[in-house]
Amino acid sequence: MANAAEAANPGEKLSREEIWRRYPNEWVILVDCDWVNCMTTAGVVYGHSPDKKEARRMAKGLRDYGFYWTGEMVSPILWYLTHVRPGL
C-alpha cells in the first residue's frame, strides 16, 4: 500500500541497498539522489507502493526524481511466454 505520510514528509537519505531492503517488491520514488557512473547510489524515499499507477500518482508534479522497481526484473519475452495462452 502507498505511504502517503512518507510522500508528504520525506525522510533520511538511504543507500540503494537499504532502500531495496526496506521496500521489497515495490515501486519507489526517490528524490535528492546521488549518482555514480549513471547509477543511483542513494536517495530520499518520497513515496512507495506495490502498485505502479499509485506510485506514479504520488510522483505527479515532481520535476526531479527517480522511479524504481525493487523486485525481480523479468524479461518482457519471458513474461509474454508465461502469461499469454497458447493458440491466441
N, C-alpha and C. Protein backbone atom coordinates (compact mmCIF):
# COMPACT_ATOMS: atom_id res chain seq x y z
N MET A 1 0.84 -1.18 0.00
CA MET A 1 0.00 0.00 0.00
C MET A 1 0.89 1.24 0.00
N ALA A 2 0.43 2.28 -0.62
CA ALA A 2 1.20 3.52 -0.69
C ALA A 2 1.32 4.15 0.68
N ASN A 3 2.40 4.85 0.88
CA ASN A 3 2.63 5.50 2.15
C ASN A 3 2.54 7.00 1.94
N ALA A 4 1.34 7.57 2.13
CA ALA A 4 1.11 8.99 1.89
C ALA A 4 1.86 9.87 2.87
N ALA A 5 2.02 9.40 4.11
CA ALA A 5 2.75 10.19 5.11
C ALA A 5 4.19 10.40 4.67
N GLU A 6 4.81 9.36 4.11
CA GLU A 6 6.18 9.48 3.62
C GLU A 6 6.24 10.45 2.45
N ALA A 7 5.24 10.37 1.56
CA ALA A 7 5.23 11.26 0.41
C ALA A 7 5.12 12.72 0.85
N ALA A 8 4.37 12.97 1.94
CA ALA A 8 4.21 14.34 2.42
C ALA A 8 5.42 14.81 3.22
N ASN A 9 6.19 13.87 3.78
CA ASN A 9 7.29 14.24 4.65
C ASN A 9 8.48 13.30 4.43
N PRO A 10 9.22 13.48 3.34
CA PRO A 10 10.34 12.59 3.07
C PRO A 10 11.37 12.59 4.20
N GLY A 11 12.05 11.47 4.37
CA GLY A 11 12.98 11.33 5.48
C GLY A 11 14.43 11.37 5.08
N GLU A 12 15.20 10.50 5.70
CA GLU A 12 16.65 10.48 5.55
C GLU A 12 17.09 9.89 4.21
N LYS A 13 18.29 10.27 3.80
CA LYS A 13 18.87 9.69 2.59
C LYS A 13 19.35 8.29 2.91
N LEU A 14 18.95 7.33 2.08
CA LEU A 14 19.31 5.92 2.27
C LEU A 14 20.13 5.42 1.09
N SER A 15 20.96 4.43 1.35
CA SER A 15 21.69 3.80 0.25
C SER A 15 20.73 2.99 -0.60
N ARG A 16 21.13 2.72 -1.84
CA ARG A 16 20.31 1.91 -2.73
C ARG A 16 20.00 0.56 -2.10
N GLU A 17 20.99 -0.06 -1.49
CA GLU A 17 20.81 -1.37 -0.87
C GLU A 17 19.79 -1.31 0.26
N GLU A 18 19.83 -0.26 1.08
CA GLU A 18 18.89 -0.12 2.19
C GLU A 18 17.47 0.11 1.67
N ILE A 19 17.32 0.89 0.61
CA ILE A 19 16.00 1.13 0.02
C ILE A 19 15.41 -0.19 -0.48
N TRP A 20 16.21 -0.98 -1.18
CA TRP A 20 15.74 -2.26 -1.72
C TRP A 20 15.38 -3.22 -0.57
N ARG A 21 16.12 -3.12 0.54
CA ARG A 21 15.84 -3.99 1.69
C ARG A 21 14.55 -3.58 2.40
N ARG A 22 14.34 -2.29 2.57
CA ARG A 22 13.15 -1.79 3.30
C ARG A 22 11.87 -1.89 2.48
N TYR A 23 11.98 -1.79 1.16
CA TYR A 23 10.79 -1.73 0.31
C TYR A 23 10.85 -2.80 -0.77
N PRO A 24 10.85 -4.09 -0.40
CA PRO A 24 10.95 -5.15 -1.41
C PRO A 24 9.69 -5.22 -2.27
N ASN A 25 9.87 -5.48 -3.55
CA ASN A 25 8.76 -5.65 -4.50
C ASN A 25 7.80 -4.47 -4.52
N GLU A 26 8.37 -3.27 -4.52
CA GLU A 26 7.56 -2.05 -4.58
C GLU A 26 8.16 -1.07 -5.58
N TRP A 27 7.31 -0.18 -6.07
CA TRP A 27 7.76 0.96 -6.85
C TRP A 27 8.15 2.04 -5.87
N VAL A 28 9.34 2.60 -6.03
CA VAL A 28 9.88 3.57 -5.09
C VAL A 28 10.19 4.86 -5.84
N ILE A 29 9.77 5.98 -5.26
CA ILE A 29 10.06 7.29 -5.81
C ILE A 29 11.16 7.91 -4.95
N LEU A 30 12.27 8.25 -5.59
CA LEU A 30 13.41 8.83 -4.87
C LEU A 30 13.64 10.27 -5.31
N VAL A 31 13.95 11.11 -4.34
CA VAL A 31 14.35 12.49 -4.61
C VAL A 31 15.72 12.70 -3.98
N ASP A 32 16.37 13.78 -4.33
CA ASP A 32 17.71 14.10 -3.81
C ASP A 32 18.66 12.91 -3.98
N CYS A 33 18.71 12.39 -5.20
CA CYS A 33 19.50 11.19 -5.49
C CYS A 33 20.99 11.50 -5.64
N ASP A 34 21.81 10.54 -5.24
CA ASP A 34 23.25 10.57 -5.51
C ASP A 34 23.50 9.62 -6.67
N TRP A 35 24.38 10.02 -7.57
CA TRP A 35 24.66 9.23 -8.77
C TRP A 35 26.16 8.97 -8.89
N VAL A 36 26.51 7.78 -9.34
CA VAL A 36 27.88 7.43 -9.69
C VAL A 36 27.81 6.63 -10.98
N ASN A 37 28.51 7.13 -12.02
CA ASN A 37 28.53 6.46 -13.32
C ASN A 37 27.12 6.12 -13.83
N CYS A 38 26.22 7.10 -13.79
CA CYS A 38 24.84 6.95 -14.28
C CYS A 38 24.02 5.94 -13.50
N MET A 39 24.39 5.64 -12.28
CA MET A 39 23.64 4.70 -11.45
C MET A 39 23.31 5.36 -10.12
N THR A 40 22.07 5.23 -9.68
CA THR A 40 21.67 5.78 -8.39
C THR A 40 22.31 4.99 -7.27
N THR A 41 22.98 5.68 -6.37
CA THR A 41 23.63 5.02 -5.23
C THR A 41 22.93 5.32 -3.91
N ALA A 42 22.13 6.40 -3.86
CA ALA A 42 21.42 6.77 -2.64
C ALA A 42 20.33 7.77 -2.99
N GLY A 43 19.37 7.93 -2.09
CA GLY A 43 18.31 8.89 -2.30
C GLY A 43 17.37 8.93 -1.11
N VAL A 44 16.49 9.92 -1.12
CA VAL A 44 15.46 10.05 -0.10
C VAL A 44 14.17 9.47 -0.67
N VAL A 45 13.54 8.56 0.07
CA VAL A 45 12.29 7.95 -0.40
C VAL A 45 11.17 8.96 -0.24
N TYR A 46 10.60 9.37 -1.37
CA TYR A 46 9.48 10.32 -1.37
C TYR A 46 8.17 9.57 -1.18
N GLY A 47 8.09 8.37 -1.75
CA GLY A 47 6.90 7.55 -1.63
C GLY A 47 7.17 6.17 -2.19
N HIS A 48 6.26 5.23 -1.90
CA HIS A 48 6.41 3.86 -2.40
C HIS A 48 5.07 3.15 -2.42
N SER A 49 4.94 2.19 -3.33
CA SER A 49 3.72 1.40 -3.44
C SER A 49 4.00 0.18 -4.29
N PRO A 50 3.32 -0.95 -4.00
CA PRO A 50 3.44 -2.11 -4.88
C PRO A 50 2.68 -1.89 -6.20
N ASP A 51 1.81 -0.88 -6.22
CA ASP A 51 1.00 -0.58 -7.40
C ASP A 51 1.66 0.56 -8.20
N LYS A 52 2.03 0.26 -9.43
CA LYS A 52 2.74 1.23 -10.27
C LYS A 52 1.91 2.49 -10.51
N LYS A 53 0.62 2.33 -10.78
CA LYS A 53 -0.22 3.51 -11.05
C LYS A 53 -0.31 4.41 -9.82
N GLU A 54 -0.43 3.82 -8.65
CA GLU A 54 -0.49 4.61 -7.42
C GLU A 54 0.83 5.36 -7.21
N ALA A 55 1.94 4.68 -7.42
CA ALA A 55 3.25 5.33 -7.27
C ALA A 55 3.40 6.48 -8.27
N ARG A 56 2.95 6.28 -9.49
CA ARG A 56 3.01 7.35 -10.49
C ARG A 56 2.17 8.55 -10.06
N ARG A 57 1.00 8.28 -9.45
CA ARG A 57 0.16 9.38 -8.96
C ARG A 57 0.90 10.18 -7.87
N MET A 58 1.62 9.46 -7.00
CA MET A 58 2.37 10.15 -5.94
C MET A 58 3.48 11.03 -6.53
N ALA A 59 4.04 10.62 -7.65
CA ALA A 59 5.15 11.36 -8.26
C ALA A 59 4.66 12.53 -9.11
N LYS A 60 3.35 12.59 -9.36
CA LYS A 60 2.81 13.65 -10.22
C LYS A 60 3.18 15.02 -9.64
N GLY A 61 3.70 15.85 -10.49
CA GLY A 61 4.09 17.20 -10.09
C GLY A 61 5.56 17.34 -9.70
N LEU A 62 6.22 16.20 -9.46
CA LEU A 62 7.65 16.27 -9.15
C LEU A 62 8.42 16.52 -10.44
N ARG A 63 9.51 17.25 -10.36
CA ARG A 63 10.30 17.54 -11.56
C ARG A 63 11.57 16.72 -11.63
N ASP A 64 12.19 16.45 -10.50
CA ASP A 64 13.47 15.76 -10.50
C ASP A 64 13.39 14.60 -9.51
N TYR A 65 13.19 13.40 -10.04
CA TYR A 65 13.03 12.23 -9.18
C TYR A 65 13.43 10.96 -9.91
N GLY A 66 13.63 9.90 -9.15
CA GLY A 66 13.89 8.58 -9.72
C GLY A 66 12.72 7.67 -9.42
N PHE A 67 12.41 6.77 -10.33
CA PHE A 67 11.27 5.86 -10.19
C PHE A 67 11.79 4.45 -10.42
N TYR A 68 11.77 3.62 -9.39
CA TYR A 68 12.43 2.32 -9.45
C TYR A 68 11.54 1.20 -8.95
N TRP A 69 11.71 0.03 -9.54
CA TRP A 69 11.08 -1.21 -9.07
C TRP A 69 12.14 -1.96 -8.27
N THR A 70 11.81 -2.37 -7.04
CA THR A 70 12.79 -3.03 -6.18
C THR A 70 12.70 -4.55 -6.23
N GLY A 71 11.78 -5.07 -7.01
CA GLY A 71 11.62 -6.52 -7.11
C GLY A 71 12.45 -7.12 -8.22
N GLU A 72 12.18 -8.37 -8.48
CA GLU A 72 12.90 -9.10 -9.52
C GLU A 72 12.52 -8.56 -10.90
N MET A 73 13.52 -8.40 -11.73
CA MET A 73 13.29 -7.94 -13.10
C MET A 73 12.99 -9.16 -13.97
N VAL A 74 11.93 -9.05 -14.76
CA VAL A 74 11.53 -10.15 -15.63
C VAL A 74 11.62 -9.67 -17.08
N SER A 75 12.22 -10.47 -17.91
CA SER A 75 12.33 -10.17 -19.32
C SER A 75 10.93 -10.06 -19.93
N PRO A 76 10.68 -9.05 -20.79
CA PRO A 76 9.37 -8.95 -21.45
C PRO A 76 9.02 -10.22 -22.24
N ILE A 77 10.01 -10.83 -22.84
CA ILE A 77 9.75 -12.06 -23.61
C ILE A 77 9.33 -13.18 -22.67
N LEU A 78 10.01 -13.33 -21.54
CA LEU A 78 9.66 -14.36 -20.57
C LEU A 78 8.26 -14.11 -20.02
N TRP A 79 7.93 -12.86 -19.72
CA TRP A 79 6.60 -12.53 -19.22
C TRP A 79 5.55 -12.93 -20.26
N TYR A 80 5.79 -12.56 -21.51
CA TYR A 80 4.84 -12.87 -22.58
C TYR A 80 4.63 -14.39 -22.68
N LEU A 81 5.72 -15.13 -22.65
CA LEU A 81 5.61 -16.58 -22.80
C LEU A 81 4.89 -17.24 -21.62
N THR A 82 4.95 -16.63 -20.45
CA THR A 82 4.30 -17.23 -19.28
C THR A 82 2.89 -16.70 -19.02
N HIS A 83 2.49 -15.63 -19.72
CA HIS A 83 1.17 -15.04 -19.47
C HIS A 83 0.19 -15.13 -20.64
N VAL A 84 0.65 -15.38 -21.82
CA VAL A 84 -0.23 -15.44 -22.97
C VAL A 84 -0.61 -16.90 -23.23
N ARG A 85 -1.90 -17.13 -23.36
CA ARG A 85 -2.37 -18.51 -23.58
C ARG A 85 -2.02 -18.97 -24.99
N PRO A 86 -1.60 -20.22 -25.10
CA PRO A 86 -1.30 -20.77 -26.43
C PRO A 86 -2.55 -20.74 -27.31
N GLY A 87 -2.35 -20.49 -28.57
CA GLY A 87 -3.45 -20.51 -29.52
C GLY A 87 -4.15 -19.18 -29.70
N LEU A 88 -3.69 -18.15 -28.99
CA LEU A 88 -4.32 -16.84 -29.17
C LEU A 88 -3.64 -16.06 -30.24
